[in-house]
Protein backbone atom coordinates (compact mmCIF):
# COMPACT_ATOMS: atom_id res chain seq x y z
CA SER A 1 -35.36 -5.46 14.37
CA ARG A 2 -31.39 -5.16 14.33
CA ARG A 3 -31.41 -9.27 14.45
CA THR A 4 -34.23 -8.84 11.72
CA LEU A 5 -32.15 -6.51 9.08
CA GLU A 6 -29.03 -8.73 9.82
CA MET A 7 -30.62 -11.65 8.61
CA ARG A 8 -32.19 -10.05 5.76
CA PHE A 9 -28.93 -8.50 4.52
CA GLN A 10 -26.99 -11.75 4.90
CA ALA A 11 -30.39 -13.40 2.95
CA ALA A 12 -29.76 -10.63 0.05
CA LEU A 13 -26.12 -10.31 -0.11
CA GLY A 14 -24.29 -13.50 1.41
CA ARG A 15 -22.42 -11.21 4.46
CA SER A 16 -22.97 -9.51 6.80
CA PRO A 17 -23.89 -5.45 7.17
CA ALA A 18 -20.49 -4.83 8.99
CA GLY A 19 -19.07 -7.54 6.60
CA GLU A 20 -20.05 -5.34 3.79
CA ILE A 21 -19.02 -2.12 5.38
CA ARG A 22 -15.68 -3.38 5.39
CA ARG A 23 -15.47 -4.24 1.57
CA ARG A 24 -16.93 -1.13 0.44
CA ARG A 25 -14.27 0.18 2.54
CA LEU A 26 -11.56 -1.57 0.95
CA ASP A 27 -12.71 -1.45 -2.43
CA LEU A 28 -12.39 2.29 -1.76
CA ALA A 29 -9.06 2.17 -0.29
CA ARG A 30 -7.81 0.14 -3.14
CA GLN A 31 -9.37 2.64 -5.66
CA LEU A 32 -7.81 5.23 -3.98
CA LEU A 33 -4.52 3.18 -3.53
CA ARG A 34 -4.12 3.09 -7.09
CA ASP A 35 -4.92 6.60 -8.07
CA GLY A 36 -1.65 7.44 -6.15
CA SER A 37 -2.47 11.17 -5.49
CA LEU A 38 -3.32 11.49 -2.05
CA PRO A 39 -0.90 10.12 0.95
CA ILE A 40 -2.07 6.84 3.20
CA ARG A 41 -3.01 8.91 6.20
CA GLU A 42 -5.90 10.59 4.18
CA VAL A 43 -6.74 7.39 2.19
CA GLY A 44 -7.08 5.67 5.71
CA ARG A 45 -9.54 9.30 6.72
CA ARG A 46 -11.55 8.59 3.66
CA CYS A 47 -11.84 5.05 4.60
CA GLY A 48 -13.64 5.41 7.94
CA TYR A 49 -10.20 5.63 9.81
CA LEU A 50 -8.97 7.85 12.30
CA GLU A 51 -5.50 6.28 12.82
CA PRO A 52 -3.19 5.16 10.08
CA GLN A 53 -2.18 2.45 11.86
CA GLN A 54 -5.69 1.07 12.14
CA PHE A 55 -5.89 1.72 8.38
CA SER A 56 -3.11 -0.30 7.46
CA ALA A 57 -3.65 -2.86 9.90
CA PHE A 58 -7.70 -3.52 8.00
CA PHE A 59 -5.27 -3.41 5.09
CA ARG A 60 -3.30 -5.56 6.07
CA THR A 61 -5.23 -7.85 7.30
CA GLN A 62 -7.97 -8.08 3.96
CA MET A 63 -5.10 -7.79 0.78
CA GLY A 64 -2.00 -9.09 2.27
CA LEU A 65 0.13 -6.40 2.24
CA ALA A 66 0.97 -2.85 3.51
CA PRO A 67 -0.76 0.20 2.32
CA ARG A 68 2.19 1.75 0.27
CA GLN A 69 3.44 -2.06 -0.56
CA TYR A 70 -0.03 -2.89 -2.67
CA ARG A 71 0.11 0.79 -4.04
CA GLN A 72 3.80 0.36 -5.20
CA GLN A 73 2.56 -3.01 -6.92
CA ALA A 74 -0.55 -1.37 -8.20
CA ALA A 75 0.77 1.65 -9.95
CA PRO A 76 2.17 0.43 -13.21
CA ALA A 77 -0.43 -1.21 -13.81
CA ALA A 78 -2.76 2.15 -13.48
CA VAL A 79 -0.43 3.14 -15.95
CA GLU A 80 -0.67 0.86 -18.46
CA ARG A 81 -4.39 1.67 -18.72
């Protein structure tokens, strides 16, 4: 059942299936934003958000800054590697 899956998932990973999906989306978004080659709209689309506003709101909630701000801060770190 759905509840059994959620309980087992929580026990194994310490987060819900929805929490894992959010974590994976955030990881992908950070990776794509650091790369810098895609427009932010496309980054959001690749992370499963059809509307750029939804992606921006999600990212800001999770990271504390807008995707554009994150890209600007992460860009110098990517060049130094």
